[in-house]
C-alpha cells in the first residue's frame, strides 16, 4: 500500500490543536464554557486527522488556517495561562474564544470539500501553468497603494463597522420603534467614544448573528437617521433624483416550482417564444400613470431614478417611458419594443439598470448612491439610472427578488442598456440575462459586476473561501445566515439552478451573455468563484475582463464613507465609471 504523504500544514494544525487542548485543561474543566471549547477543539483535531491526504490545496489551506486562526489562538491561551488569576483572565477572552470556536466549526465543514476539488481545477495547477498564463490576459491585479497605508485606513473603517454592529444590536433590544430609535441613537453616541466596547459587541454578534442583526448592520446607512442625513448632504450632487413606485401588474411567472420543473424535465436551457405576461388587473394599468409617484411599498416596486439631465420625469410624457412599455409586454403583445424612447425629445438614449447588493436581506438603492450618482454624472445627460429596491428575504425568499428585477427589466426600451449589480445584485443581473435568453427577448448591451455572487453552492471549494474566516464586514458566519434566509424553503438547488449559481449555466446560454466587466477584491471570499467563472467564459472566447484590487475585501464600493471611509475607494469608483462608459461605447460601435 502506498504511504500517504501528509501535508506539513495539516500536521502543524493537529499539533497546535493538541497544545490548545492541553492548555485548556489547566482551566476549570467543570466550567460549561471550557467543556464546550475542549469538545470543539477535539472535534476539529479529528477532522484534520481524517482529512489528511496528498492534495495540492490542503497545504495551502492548512497554512492559512494555522497562520490566521489556530496559531494566534494558541498564543492567546499561552498568554492567559501566565496570569496568576488565569481563570479570571480567561473570562475576559471569552468572546474571542467563542469566535475562534465558531470559525473552527466552519473549517470542519470546509475540510472534506478540499480533497474533492478535481486535480485539473485551476486552483490545483501551478501558477506557472499555461492555464494561468491564458487567464492572465483576462485578469489583472491592481495595487491601490502601499498595503500598510491601506491597512491603517481599514483599521479606522473597521472601528466604524464595530460601532455599526453595536448600533444594530441596540436596535434589536427594544421592540417599540420609537423607543428603539432613541435607545439606538443614545447608545450609538456613547459607543463612538468607547470603541473597545463596540468591538466586543461586534465580536459577540458576528459569532452567531441573527438575520435581524444582519439587516440592521447592512442597512445602517438607510435606517440610522443621523447617518442617513449626513450621507444625504455629503453625496455627490445630481441634477435629477426621483423615486417612482411601479405596481405589480403581472401575474408571477418566475416561481420556484416552475424552475424546479424545468430542471427536472431538462428544459431549463430550452429557449421559448415570448408571448407576453398576464395582467393582474386591467384597472391597475389604466391608473398607473397617475400613481407612479405615489408611495406604496406593499404593492409596488420602488425604483430610484438618477440622471445628470435635470428634465427627467419633469413631464407626463416621461412617465410614459415606463407606462407605454408595460403595454408592450402584456399578453396582447408578442415582442419587446426596442426603439428610442418618446420622452425628452429622444435625448435619453442610455439606461443603467442597477441592482443593489446586500445578501438579498438588506441594503437598498439609497446607500449605493455613493457611486451611482457618480456614474450618472460621468456618463452624461443622455443617460438615466434605474436603481431597484426589490423585495427582501426572509419575508420574500428566492425567487421574489429576481422576479421583481426581471419584470422591471422588461419595461426598459432605450437604445443602450447596461445591467449593473454588485454582490447579490450581480447574481440577479446574470439571472435576468438568462431569463431574457430563454424568453427570446432583448439581452442587455453589457454587464458591469462588482464582486458578483456566481456560485451559491459553497460545497464547491476554492482557497478564496477562507477569506471569509477573517472578513470584518461579510464573514462566513454572516454569509451562512444570509444563504439560509434566502433559500429558506428547502426546495432550492444551488448545485443545479443557474439562477442561483450562474457559473453552472449551460454553454448555450453563457455564449449569449453580453460583454462583461467585473471588479473584485483579493481578500473577498467570493473572488475565487469569480475567477473560475471568468476562466469558463475565456474558454468560450467571451469578451470579459476582471480587475482584482489587492487588499480589498467584499463590498468595497460602499466603503467611501465621509470621514471614516477608505480614501482610495474613490479611485476605484472612478475606474468603475470608465468601465461603464466603455461598455456603452463598445455597444455604439456594434
Protein backbone atom coordinates (compact mmCIF):
# COMPACT_ATOMS: atom_id res chain seq x y z
CA UNK A 1 0.00 0.00 0.00
CA UNK A 2 1.29 3.45 -0.94
CA UNK A 3 2.09 5.59 2.07
CA UNK A 4 0.05 8.82 2.29
CA UNK A 5 2.23 11.94 2.19
CA UNK A 6 0.92 14.19 4.91
CA UNK A 7 0.80 17.94 4.49
CA UNK A 8 3.13 19.80 6.84
CA UNK A 9 0.44 22.39 7.38
CA UNK A 10 -2.05 19.70 8.40
CA UNK A 11 0.49 18.18 10.82
CA UNK A 12 1.13 21.62 12.33
CA UNK A 13 -2.61 22.23 12.69
CA UNK A 14 -3.07 18.96 14.57
CA UNK A 15 -0.11 19.78 16.81
CA UNK A 16 -1.41 23.29 17.59
CA UNK A 17 -4.89 21.94 18.35
CA UNK A 18 -3.42 19.36 20.72
CA UNK A 19 -1.46 22.07 22.54
CA UNK A 20 -4.60 24.22 22.79
CA UNK A 21 -6.41 21.33 24.45
CA UNK A 22 -3.56 20.69 26.89
CA UNK A 23 -3.54 24.33 27.95
CA UNK A 24 -7.33 24.43 28.17
CA UNK A 25 -7.23 21.51 30.63
CA UNK A 26 -5.35 23.73 33.09
CA UNK A 27 -8.55 25.73 33.49
CA UNK A 28 -11.64 24.69 35.42
CA UNK A 29 -12.85 21.68 33.42
CA UNK A 30 -16.19 21.84 35.23
CA UNK A 31 -16.86 25.19 33.59
CA UNK A 32 -19.51 24.64 30.85
CA UNK A 33 -17.65 27.00 28.52
CA UNK A 34 -14.38 25.13 28.94
CA UNK A 35 -16.15 21.79 28.42
CA UNK A 36 -17.66 23.05 25.15
CA UNK A 37 -14.38 24.57 23.94
CA UNK A 38 -12.49 21.33 24.63
CA UNK A 39 -15.13 19.34 22.75
CA UNK A 40 -14.96 21.62 19.71
CA UNK A 41 -11.15 21.58 19.66
CA UNK A 42 -11.15 17.78 19.83
CA UNK A 43 -13.70 17.52 17.01
CA UNK A 44 -11.62 19.87 14.85
CA UNK A 45 -8.47 17.85 15.52
CA UNK A 46 -10.28 14.65 14.49
CA UNK A 47 -11.46 16.32 11.29
CA UNK A 48 -7.90 17.34 10.40
CA UNK A 49 -6.69 13.80 11.09
CA UNK A 50 -9.43 12.25 8.96
CA UNK A 51 -8.77 14.55 6.01
CA UNK A 52 -5.03 14.08 5.73
CA UNK A 53 -4.24 13.22 2.14
CA UNK A 54 -1.95 14.33 -0.63
CA UNK A 55 -3.94 17.08 -2.32
CA UNK A 56 -2.43 20.29 -3.77
CA UNK A 57 -4.84 22.59 -1.90
CA UNK A 58 -4.52 21.05 1.56
CA UNK A 59 -1.11 22.51 2.36
CA UNK A 60 -2.07 25.99 1.18
CA UNK A 61 -5.33 25.96 3.14
CA UNK A 62 -3.81 24.48 6.29
CA UNK A 63 -1.11 27.15 6.32
CA UNK A 64 -3.72 29.90 6.04
CA UNK A 65 -5.82 28.42 8.85
CA UNK A 66 -2.77 27.99 11.08
CA UNK A 67 -1.45 31.47 10.44
CA UNK A 68 -4.74 33.34 10.74
CA UNK A 69 -6.67 31.36 13.37
CA UNK A 70 -5.21 28.33 15.18
CA UNK A 71 -1.69 29.58 16.00
CA UNK A 72 -2.83 33.05 17.17
CA UNK A 73 -5.40 31.26 19.35
CA UNK A 74 -2.65 29.08 20.86
CA UNK A 75 -0.54 32.16 21.64
CA UNK A 76 -3.56 33.81 23.28
CA UNK A 77 -4.11 30.78 25.55
CA UNK A 78 -0.43 30.68 26.48
CA UNK A 79 -0.55 34.35 27.50
CA UNK A 80 -3.70 33.81 29.57
CA UNK A 81 -2.05 30.93 31.43
CA UNK A 82 0.80 33.21 32.54
CA UNK A 83 -1.55 35.30 34.70
CA UNK A 84 -1.73 34.49 38.38
CA UNK A 85 -5.52 34.50 38.27
CA UNK A 86 -5.76 32.85 34.87
CA UNK A 87 -9.38 31.74 35.36
CA UNK A 88 -10.49 35.34 35.65
CA UNK A 89 -8.31 36.34 32.72
CA UNK A 90 -9.84 33.56 30.63
CA UNK A 91 -13.30 35.06 31.07
CA UNK A 92 -12.04 38.35 29.64
CA UNK A 93 -11.24 36.47 26.43
CA UNK A 94 -14.50 34.52 26.27
CA UNK A 95 -15.89 36.39 23.27
CA UNK A 96 -12.65 35.96 21.32
CA UNK A 97 -12.58 32.24 22.12
CA UNK A 98 -16.22 31.80 21.14
CA UNK A 99 -15.50 33.43 17.77
CA UNK A 100 -12.47 31.18 17.20
CA UNK A 101 -14.52 28.10 18.08
CA UNK A 102 -17.32 29.14 15.69
CA UNK A 103 -14.82 29.54 12.87
CA UNK A 104 -13.29 26.15 13.66
CA UNK A 105 -16.77 24.68 13.19
CA UNK A 106 -16.90 26.29 9.74
CA UNK A 107 -13.42 24.96 8.94
CA UNK A 108 -14.66 21.45 9.77
CA UNK A 109 -17.31 21.90 7.08
CA UNK A 110 -14.69 23.11 4.57
CA UNK A 111 -12.11 20.36 5.09
CA UNK A 112 -13.91 17.40 3.45
CA UNK A 113 -14.62 19.54 0.38
CA UNK A 114 -10.97 20.47 -0.21
CA UNK A 115 -9.93 16.97 -1.27
CA UNK A 116 -12.96 16.82 -3.62
CA UNK A 117 -11.60 19.61 -5.83
CA UNK A 118 -10.56 17.97 -9.14
CA UNK A 119 -6.82 17.87 -9.72
CA UNK A 120 -7.28 19.61 -13.08
CA UNK A 121 -9.11 22.53 -11.41
CA UNK A 122 -7.30 25.81 -11.94
CA UNK A 123 -6.56 26.16 -8.21
CA UNK A 124 -4.74 22.82 -8.20
CA UNK A 125 -2.43 23.90 -11.02
CA UNK A 126 0.90 25.63 -10.58
CA UNK A 127 0.83 29.40 -11.09
CA UNK A 128 3.25 28.82 -13.98
CA UNK A 129 0.79 26.50 -15.74
CA UNK A 130 -0.38 27.60 -19.19
CA UNK A 131 -3.98 27.76 -17.90
CA UNK A 132 -3.00 30.68 -15.66
CA UNK A 133 -0.96 32.22 -18.49
CA UNK A 134 -4.04 32.23 -20.74
CA UNK A 135 -6.21 33.59 -17.92
CA UNK A 136 -3.74 36.41 -17.24
CA UNK A 137 -4.92 38.05 -20.48
CA UNK A 138 -8.37 38.49 -18.91
CA UNK A 139 -7.42 39.30 -15.32
CA UNK A 140 -5.23 41.98 -13.79
CA UNK A 141 -4.31 42.56 -10.15
CA UNK A 142 -4.17 46.22 -9.14
CA UNK A 143 -2.35 47.87 -6.23
CA UNK A 144 -4.10 50.99 -4.97
CA UNK A 145 -1.36 51.99 -2.53
CA UNK A 146 1.18 50.64 -0.08
CA UNK A 147 -0.55 47.75 1.76
CA UNK A 148 0.45 49.21 5.14
CA UNK A 149 -1.28 52.51 4.34
CA UNK A 150 -4.42 50.67 3.26
CA UNK A 151 -4.31 48.53 6.40
CA UNK A 152 -4.30 51.68 8.54
CA UNK A 153 -7.31 53.03 6.65
CA UNK A 154 -9.14 49.74 7.12
CA UNK A 155 -8.38 49.69 10.85
CA UNK A 156 -10.18 53.01 11.15
CA UNK A 157 -13.02 51.83 8.92
CA UNK A 158 -13.39 48.59 10.89
CA UNK A 159 -13.92 50.63 14.06
CA UNK A 160 -16.75 52.37 12.23
CA UNK A 161 -18.14 48.92 11.43
CA UNK A 162 -17.81 47.99 15.11
CA UNK A 163 -19.93 50.99 16.09
CA UNK A 164 -22.36 49.98 13.35
CA UNK A 165 -22.57 46.45 14.78
CA UNK A 166 -23.25 47.83 18.24
CA UNK A 167 -25.87 50.20 16.81
CA UNK A 168 -27.52 47.28 15.01
CA UNK A 169 -27.53 45.24 18.22
CA UNK A 170 -29.12 48.08 20.20
CA UNK A 171 -31.90 48.23 17.63
CA UNK A 172 -32.81 44.61 18.42
CA UNK A 173 -33.13 45.15 22.17
CA UNK A 174 -36.33 47.22 22.20
CA UNK A 175 -39.32 46.27 20.03
CA UNK A 176 -41.21 49.59 20.04
CA UNK A 177 -39.80 51.53 17.03
CA UNK A 178 -39.77 55.00 18.65
CA UNK A 179 -38.03 53.87 21.85
CA UNK A 180 -35.73 51.61 19.86
CA UNK A 181 -34.56 54.57 17.74
CA UNK A 182 -33.95 56.75 20.82
CA UNK A 183 -32.06 53.94 22.54
CA UNK A 184 -30.00 53.28 19.42
CA UNK A 185 -29.00 56.90 18.92
CA UNK A 186 -28.09 57.50 22.56
CA UNK A 187 -26.20 54.22 22.74
CA UNK A 188 -24.51 54.87 19.42
CA UNK A 189 -23.28 58.27 20.61
CA UNK A 190 -21.77 56.60 23.70
CA UNK A 191 -20.10 53.84 21.69
CA UNK A 192 -18.39 56.29 19.34
CA UNK A 193 -16.33 57.34 22.36
CA UNK A 194 -15.99 53.76 23.64
CA UNK A 195 -14.63 51.83 20.66
CA UNK A 196 -13.43 48.89 22.74
CA UNK A 197 -16.97 48.25 23.97
CA UNK A 198 -18.22 48.45 20.38
CA UNK A 199 -15.56 45.91 19.31
CA UNK A 200 -16.74 43.49 21.99
CA UNK A 201 -20.35 43.79 20.85
CA UNK A 202 -19.25 43.23 17.25
CA UNK A 203 -17.30 40.12 18.24
CA UNK A 204 -20.28 38.65 20.06
CA UNK A 205 -22.78 39.38 17.29
CA UNK A 206 -20.52 38.17 14.48
CA UNK A 207 -20.14 34.79 16.21
CA UNK A 208 -23.80 33.80 15.93
CA UNK A 209 -25.55 36.61 14.02
CA UNK A 210 -29.31 36.77 13.69
CA UNK A 211 -30.88 37.82 10.40
CA UNK A 212 -32.33 40.89 12.16
CA UNK A 213 -28.85 41.93 13.25
CA UNK A 214 -27.51 41.48 9.71
CA UNK A 215 -30.36 43.54 8.27
CA UNK A 216 -29.75 46.32 10.79
CA UNK A 217 -25.99 46.28 10.17
CA UNK A 218 -26.10 46.25 6.38
CA UNK A 219 -28.89 48.82 6.30
CA UNK A 220 -27.39 51.19 8.86
CA UNK A 221 -26.97 53.95 6.27
CA UNK A 222 -30.66 53.64 5.44
CA UNK A 223 -32.04 53.36 8.97
CA UNK A 224 -29.82 55.46 11.25
CA UNK A 225 -31.34 58.98 10.99
CA UNK A 226 -28.15 60.87 11.84
CA UNK A 227 -26.00 58.87 9.44
CA UNK A 228 -28.64 58.91 6.70
CA UNK A 229 -28.96 62.69 6.83
CA UNK A 230 -25.18 63.03 6.90
CA UNK A 231 -24.96 60.81 3.81
CA UNK A 232 -27.63 62.86 2.03
CA UNK A 233 -25.71 66.10 2.45
CA UNK A 234 -22.30 64.61 1.63
CA UNK A 235 -23.31 62.69 -1.51
CA UNK A 236 -22.30 63.82 -4.98
CA UNK A 237 -24.85 66.33 -6.30
CA UNK A 238 -27.11 65.17 -9.11
CA UNK A 239 -29.47 67.07 -11.44
CA UNK A 240 -32.38 64.59 -11.28
CA UNK A 241 -33.29 62.38 -8.35
CA UNK A 242 -36.74 60.79 -8.20
CA UNK A 243 -38.39 57.80 -6.58
CA UNK A 244 -41.10 56.04 -8.54
CA UNK A 245 -43.34 53.16 -7.49
CA UNK A 246 -44.30 50.64 -10.16
CA UNK A 247 -47.26 48.35 -9.30
CA UNK A 248 -47.02 44.59 -9.56
CA UNK A 249 -49.04 44.47 -12.78
CA UNK A 250 -48.34 40.94 -13.94
CA UNK A 251 -49.05 37.54 -12.52
CA UNK A 252 -45.90 35.76 -11.25
CA UNK A 253 -44.11 33.72 -13.89
CA UNK A 254 -40.77 33.20 -12.19
CA UNK A 255 -41.65 30.73 -9.45
CA UNK A 256 -39.58 28.14 -7.60
CA UNK A 257 -41.98 25.41 -8.70
CA UNK A 258 -41.53 26.31 -12.36
CA UNK A 259 -37.74 26.48 -12.07
CA UNK A 260 -37.58 23.06 -10.39
CA UNK A 261 -39.91 21.58 -13.00
CA UNK A 262 -37.65 22.86 -15.78
CA UNK A 263 -34.58 21.45 -14.02
CA UNK A 264 -36.22 18.03 -13.57
CA UNK A 265 -37.56 17.91 -17.13
CA UNK A 266 -34.29 19.07 -18.67
CA UNK A 267 -35.96 22.06 -20.34
CA UNK A 268 -34.25 24.79 -18.32
CA UNK A 269 -31.98 25.78 -21.19
CA UNK A 270 -34.55 25.41 -23.96
CA UNK A 271 -35.49 28.75 -25.49
CA UNK A 272 -39.14 29.77 -25.66
CA UNK A 273 -41.24 32.12 -27.76
CA UNK A 274 -42.20 35.12 -25.65
CA UNK A 275 -45.98 35.53 -25.59
CA UNK A 276 -46.34 38.30 -23.05
CA UNK A 277 -47.47 38.38 -19.42
CA UNK A 278 -50.94 38.17 -17.90
CA UNK A 279 -52.06 41.41 -16.26
CA UNK A 280 -53.29 41.03 -12.68
CA UNK A 281 -55.87 43.76 -13.16
CA UNK A 282 -56.54 45.89 -16.26
CA UNK A 283 -57.67 48.74 -14.00
CA UNK A 284 -54.24 48.90 -12.40
CA UNK A 285 -52.69 49.59 -15.78
CA UNK A 286 -55.24 52.30 -16.56
CA UNK A 287 -54.37 54.11 -13.31
CA UNK A 288 -50.63 53.55 -13.43
CA UNK A 289 -49.65 56.85 -14.96
CA UNK A 290 -51.41 58.73 -12.15
CA UNK A 291 -49.85 56.60 -9.40
CA UNK A 292 -46.23 56.33 -10.45
CA UNK A 293 -45.10 58.79 -7.76
CA UNK A 294 -47.49 57.56 -5.07
CA UNK A 295 -45.53 55.75 -2.35
CA UNK A 296 -46.68 52.19 -1.67
CA UNK A 297 -44.04 49.63 -0.68
CA UNK A 298 -46.57 46.84 -0.16
CA UNK A 299 -47.99 46.72 -3.68
CA UNK A 300 -45.28 48.36 -5.76
CA UNK A 301 -41.61 48.09 -6.66
CA UNK A 302 -39.68 51.15 -5.53
CA UNK A 303 -37.23 52.43 -8.14
CA UNK A 304 -34.74 55.26 -7.61
CA UNK A 305 -34.13 57.35 -10.74
CA UNK A 306 -30.86 59.27 -11.16
CA UNK A 307 -29.66 61.36 -14.08
CA UNK A 308 -27.41 64.26 -14.98
CA UNK A 309 -30.33 65.53 -17.08
CA UNK A 310 -32.48 67.82 -14.95
CA UNK A 311 -35.52 67.30 -17.22
CA UNK A 312 -36.00 63.60 -16.40
CA UNK A 313 -39.54 62.92 -15.14
CA UNK A 314 -40.44 66.60 -15.31
CA UNK A 315 -43.32 65.97 -17.70
CA UNK A 316 -46.10 63.45 -18.13
CA UNK A 317 -44.62 62.05 -21.32
CA UNK A 318 -41.54 60.93 -19.40
CA UNK A 319 -43.70 58.80 -17.13
CA UNK A 320 -44.98 57.15 -20.28
CA UNK A 321 -41.45 55.87 -20.94
CA UNK A 322 -42.34 53.18 -18.42
CA UNK A 323 -46.10 53.04 -18.82
CA UNK A 324 -46.15 52.54 -22.60
CA UNK A 325 -43.51 49.86 -22.34
CA UNK A 326 -45.65 47.92 -19.86
CA UNK A 327 -48.35 47.76 -22.53
CA UNK A 328 -45.84 46.18 -24.90
CA UNK A 329 -45.24 43.20 -22.62
CA UNK A 330 -48.84 42.40 -21.77
CA UNK A 331 -50.49 39.25 -23.12
CA UNK A 332 -51.72 41.10 -26.21
CA UNK A 333 -48.21 41.86 -27.46
CA UNK A 334 -45.64 39.38 -28.69
CA UNK A 335 -42.40 41.31 -28.53
CA UNK A 336 -40.43 43.96 -26.74
CA UNK A 337 -40.18 47.34 -28.45
CA UNK A 338 -36.55 48.35 -28.93
CA UNK A 339 -36.59 51.92 -30.15
CA UNK A 340 -35.61 55.32 -28.89
CA UNK A 341 -37.88 56.49 -26.09
CA UNK A 342 -40.52 59.09 -26.97
CA UNK A 343 -39.78 61.26 -23.93
CA UNK A 344 -37.29 64.13 -23.63
CA UNK A 345 -37.26 64.50 -27.42
CA UNK A 346 -35.16 61.36 -27.69
CA UNK A 347 -32.34 62.83 -25.56
CA UNK A 348 -32.27 59.91 -23.14
CA UNK A 349 -30.71 57.05 -25.05
CA UNK A 350 -28.87 55.12 -22.33
CA UNK A 351 -30.03 53.25 -19.26
CA UNK A 352 -28.11 51.69 -16.42
CA UNK A 353 -30.32 49.26 -14.53
CA UNK A 354 -28.58 48.92 -11.17
CA UNK A 355 -29.37 46.10 -8.74
CA UNK A 356 -28.01 46.66 -5.25
CA UNK A 357 -26.30 44.02 -3.13
CA UNK A 358 -26.95 43.12 0.48
CA UNK A 359 -27.26 39.35 0.52
CA UNK A 360 -30.92 39.54 -0.50
CA UNK A 361 -31.77 40.51 3.10
CA UNK A 362 -30.57 44.09 3.47
CA UNK A 363 -29.36 47.38 2.00
CA UNK A 364 -31.15 49.48 -0.62
CA UNK A 365 -30.64 51.81 -3.54
CA UNK A 366 -30.05 54.69 -1.08
CA UNK A 367 -26.68 53.55 0.28
CA UNK A 368 -25.40 52.72 -3.22
CA UNK A 369 -25.75 56.33 -4.33
CA UNK A 370 -22.16 56.88 -3.18
CA UNK A 371 -21.23 55.57 -6.63
CA UNK A 372 -24.42 55.51 -8.75
CA UNK A 373 -24.59 59.32 -8.65
CA UNK A 374 -21.01 59.48 -9.91
CA UNK A 375 -21.92 57.09 -12.71
CA UNK A 376 -24.82 59.30 -13.75
CA UNK A 377 -22.67 62.44 -13.84
CA UNK A 378 -19.83 60.68 -15.65
CA UNK A 379 -21.98 59.15 -18.41
CA UNK A 380 -23.82 62.42 -19.02
CA UNK A 381 -27.22 63.90 -19.81
CA UNK A 382 -28.25 61.18 -22.26
CA UNK A 383 -28.28 58.55 -19.51
CA UNK A 384 -30.68 57.60 -16.73
CA UNK A 385 -30.05 55.14 -13.89
CA UNK A 386 -32.85 52.99 -12.53
CA UNK A 387 -31.90 51.50 -9.17
CA UNK A 388 -34.39 48.88 -7.96
CA UNK A 389 -35.43 48.27 -4.36
CA UNK A 390 -36.58 44.70 -4.78
CA UNK A 391 -38.34 42.69 -2.08
CA UNK A 392 -36.05 41.21 0.58
CA UNK A 393 -35.72 37.88 2.36
CA UNK A 394 -36.60 36.28 4.69
CA UNK A 395 -40.13 37.59 4.12
CA UNK A 396 -39.64 37.28 0.37
CA UNK A 397 -37.18 34.42 -0.31
CA UNK A 398 -35.90 33.18 -3.67
CA UNK A 399 -37.04 33.92 -6.34
CA UNK A 400 -39.14 37.01 -5.35
CA UNK A 401 -36.26 39.48 -5.77
CA UNK A 402 -35.34 38.02 -9.15
CA UNK A 403 -38.99 38.24 -10.25
CA UNK A 404 -39.04 41.95 -9.30
CA UNK A 405 -35.91 42.89 -11.23
CA UNK A 406 -36.87 40.76 -14.25
CA UNK A 407 -40.29 42.39 -14.52
CA UNK A 408 -38.85 45.90 -14.31
CA UNK A 409 -36.17 44.99 -16.86
CA UNK A 410 -38.96 44.23 -19.34
CA UNK A 411 -40.15 47.84 -19.10
CA UNK A 412 -36.96 49.37 -20.47
CA UNK A 413 -36.80 50.17 -24.16
CA UNK A 414 -33.93 52.62 -24.72
CA UNK A 415 -31.26 52.24 -27.39
CA UNK A 416 -28.48 51.21 -25.00
CA UNK A 417 -28.91 49.25 -21.80
CA UNK A 418 -26.27 48.23 -19.28
CA UNK A 419 -27.08 45.97 -16.34
CA UNK A 420 -25.06 46.58 -13.19
CA UNK A 421 -25.22 44.60 -9.98
CA UNK A 422 -22.92 44.21 -7.00
CA UNK A 423 -22.74 41.01 -4.94
CA UNK A 424 -26.28 39.58 -4.79
CA UNK A 425 -27.25 42.16 -7.41
CA UNK A 426 -24.62 40.74 -9.76
CA UNK A 427 -26.12 37.31 -9.29
CA UNK A 428 -29.54 38.64 -10.31
CA UNK A 429 -28.12 40.63 -13.24
CA UNK A 430 -26.86 37.35 -14.69
CA UNK A 431 -30.22 35.79 -13.86
CA UNK A 432 -32.01 38.50 -15.86
CA UNK A 433 -29.79 37.73 -18.84
CA UNK A 434 -30.53 34.01 -18.62
CA UNK A 435 -34.24 34.77 -18.42
CA UNK A 436 -34.04 37.10 -21.43
CA UNK A 437 -32.13 34.48 -23.43
CA UNK A 438 -34.68 31.81 -22.58
CA UNK A 439 -37.64 34.03 -23.49
CA UNK A 440 -36.02 35.18 -26.70
CA UNK A 441 -36.14 38.88 -25.82
CA UNK A 442 -33.56 41.62 -25.74
CA UNK A 443 -30.35 40.90 -23.82
CA UNK A 444 -28.60 43.97 -22.31
CA UNK A 445 -25.68 45.54 -24.16
CA UNK A 446 -23.27 44.97 -21.30
CA UNK A 447 -22.83 43.80 -17.72
CA UNK A 448 -20.87 45.60 -15.01
CA UNK A 449 -20.50 43.38 -11.96
CA UNK A 450 -18.66 44.39 -8.77
CA UNK A 451 -17.86 41.24 -6.73
CA UNK A 452 -20.82 39.21 -8.06
CA UNK A 453 -22.17 36.05 -6.44
CA UNK A 454 -21.72 33.48 -9.20
CA UNK A 455 -21.98 30.35 -7.06
CA UNK A 456 -24.22 29.62 -4.07
CA UNK A 457 -23.06 26.02 -3.76
CA UNK A 458 -20.45 26.51 -1.05
CA UNK A 459 -19.65 22.79 -1.10
CA UNK A 460 -17.54 23.51 -4.18
CA UNK A 461 -14.33 24.67 -2.52
CA UNK A 462 -11.74 27.23 -3.57
CA UNK A 463 -8.99 28.84 -1.43
CA UNK A 464 -10.58 32.31 -1.50
CA UNK A 465 -13.45 31.00 0.64
CA UNK A 466 -11.03 31.05 3.59
CA UNK A 467 -11.02 34.87 3.42
CA UNK A 468 -14.49 34.72 4.92
CA UNK A 469 -12.94 33.48 8.16
CA UNK A 470 -11.19 36.82 8.69
CA UNK A 471 -13.51 39.25 6.87
CA UNK A 472 -14.63 42.13 9.11
CA UNK A 473 -17.84 43.01 7.25
CA UNK A 474 -19.10 39.92 5.41
CA UNK A 475 -17.59 36.99 7.33
CA UNK A 476 -18.64 33.42 6.66
CA UNK A 477 -20.68 33.43 9.88
CA UNK A 478 -22.93 36.05 8.28
CA UNK A 479 -22.95 34.54 4.78
CA UNK A 480 -24.21 31.24 6.19
CA UNK A 481 -27.22 33.00 7.74
CA UNK A 482 -27.91 35.07 4.62
CA UNK A 483 -27.89 31.97 2.43
CA UNK A 484 -30.21 30.15 4.83
CA UNK A 485 -32.74 33.01 4.81
CA UNK A 486 -32.70 33.45 1.03
CA UNK A 487 -33.06 29.72 0.41
CA UNK A 488 -35.45 29.02 3.25
CA UNK A 489 -37.92 26.55 1.73
CA UNK A 490 -35.51 23.65 1.41
CA UNK A 491 -36.58 23.20 -2.21
CA UNK A 492 -33.83 25.33 -3.75
CA UNK A 493 -30.93 23.61 -5.51
CA UNK A 494 -27.85 25.84 -5.93
CA UNK A 495 -25.96 22.87 -7.36
CA UNK A 496 -28.33 22.60 -10.36
CA UNK A 497 -30.08 26.00 -10.58
CA UNK A 498 -28.17 28.55 -12.72
CA UNK A 499 -30.32 31.40 -11.39
CA UNK A 500 -28.68 30.70 -8.02
CA UNK A 501 -25.28 29.64 -9.35
CA UNK A 502 -24.71 31.27 -12.77
CA UNK A 503 -21.35 29.53 -13.08
CA UNK A 504 -23.12 26.21 -13.80
CA UNK A 505 -25.22 27.59 -16.68
CA UNK A 506 -25.14 25.74 -19.98
CA UNK A 507 -22.64 26.97 -22.56
CA UNK A 508 -25.53 27.66 -24.95
CA UNK A 509 -26.69 30.40 -22.58
CA UNK A 510 -23.26 31.62 -21.48
CA UNK A 511 -22.22 32.31 -25.07
CA UNK A 512 -25.23 34.62 -25.47
CA UNK A 513 -24.30 36.80 -22.49
CA UNK A 514 -23.23 40.37 -23.32
CA UNK A 515 -19.72 41.69 -22.77
CA UNK A 516 -18.76 41.85 -19.09
CA UNK A 517 -16.54 43.97 -16.88
CA UNK A 518 -16.02 42.70 -13.33
CA UNK A 519 -14.17 44.08 -10.31
CA UNK A 520 -13.34 42.20 -7.11
CA UNK A 521 -11.11 42.37 -4.05
CA UNK A 522 -8.22 39.97 -3.47
CA UNK A 523 -9.43 39.48 0.12
CA UNK A 524 -13.02 38.70 -0.88
CA UNK A 525 -14.25 35.17 -0.17
CA UNK A 526 -16.33 35.29 -3.38
CA UNK A 527 -13.45 36.15 -5.71
CA UNK A 528 -12.38 32.53 -6.17
CA UNK A 529 -15.63 31.57 -7.85
CA UNK A 530 -15.48 34.72 -9.99
CA UNK A 531 -12.04 33.70 -11.27
CA UNK A 532 -13.44 30.27 -12.14
CA UNK A 533 -16.36 31.96 -13.92
CA UNK A 534 -14.04 34.21 -15.94
CA UNK A 535 -11.92 31.20 -16.88
CA UNK A 536 -15.03 29.37 -18.08
CA UNK A 537 -16.06 32.39 -20.17
CA UNK A 538 -12.50 32.69 -21.51
CA UNK A 539 -12.73 29.17 -22.88
CA UNK A 540 -15.88 30.27 -24.69
CA UNK A 541 -13.89 33.18 -26.22
CA UNK A 542 -16.10 35.73 -24.48
CA UNK A 543 -15.48 39.48 -24.12
CA UNK A 544 -14.85 39.60 -20.37
CA UNK A 545 -12.35 41.36 -18.11
CA UNK A 546 -11.72 41.10 -14.39
CA UNK A 547 -9.82 43.62 -12.26
CA UNK A 548 -8.84 42.38 -8.79
CA UNK A 549 -7.81 45.03 -6.28
CA UNK A 550 -5.23 43.86 -3.80
CA UNK A 551 -6.00 44.47 -0.10
CA UNK A 552 -9.75 44.97 -0.70
CA UNK A 553 -12.49 42.76 0.73
CA UNK A 554 -16.15 42.25 -0.14
CA UNK A 555 -18.44 45.26 -0.55
CA UNK A 556 -15.72 47.87 -1.14
CA UNK A 557 -17.84 50.05 -3.44
CA UNK A 558 -19.74 51.10 -0.29
CA UNK A 559 -16.60 51.93 1.70
CA UNK A 560 -16.37 55.55 0.53
CA UNK A 561 -17.98 56.94 3.67
CA UNK A 562 -17.11 60.56 4.63
CA UNK A 563 -14.53 60.95 7.43
CA UNK A 564 -14.34 57.25 8.41
CA UNK A 565 -14.25 55.68 4.94
CA UNK A 566 -11.39 54.19 2.94
CA UNK A 567 -9.92 57.07 0.94
CA UNK A 568 -8.69 55.02 -2.01
CA UNK A 569 -12.14 53.68 -2.82
CA UNK A 570 -12.73 56.95 -4.64
CA UNK A 571 -10.20 55.92 -7.29
CA UNK A 572 -11.90 52.51 -7.62
CA UNK A 573 -15.25 54.22 -8.21
CA UNK A 574 -13.58 56.40 -10.87
CA UNK A 575 -12.33 53.22 -12.56
CA UNK A 576 -15.87 51.81 -12.43
CA UNK A 577 -17.18 54.96 -14.16
CA UNK A 578 -14.75 54.41 -17.02
CA UNK A 579 -15.68 50.74 -17.28
CA UNK A 580 -19.39 51.51 -17.59
CA UNK A 581 -18.60 54.22 -20.16
CA UNK A 582 -16.51 51.69 -22.09
CA UNK A 583 -19.44 49.26 -22.18
CA UNK A 584 -21.67 51.95 -23.67
CA UNK A 585 -19.08 52.98 -26.26
CA UNK A 586 -18.41 49.43 -27.41
CA UNK A 587 -22.16 48.84 -27.87
CA UNK A 588 -22.34 52.01 -30.01
CA UNK A 589 -19.73 50.55 -32.35
CA UNK A 590 -21.81 47.41 -32.78
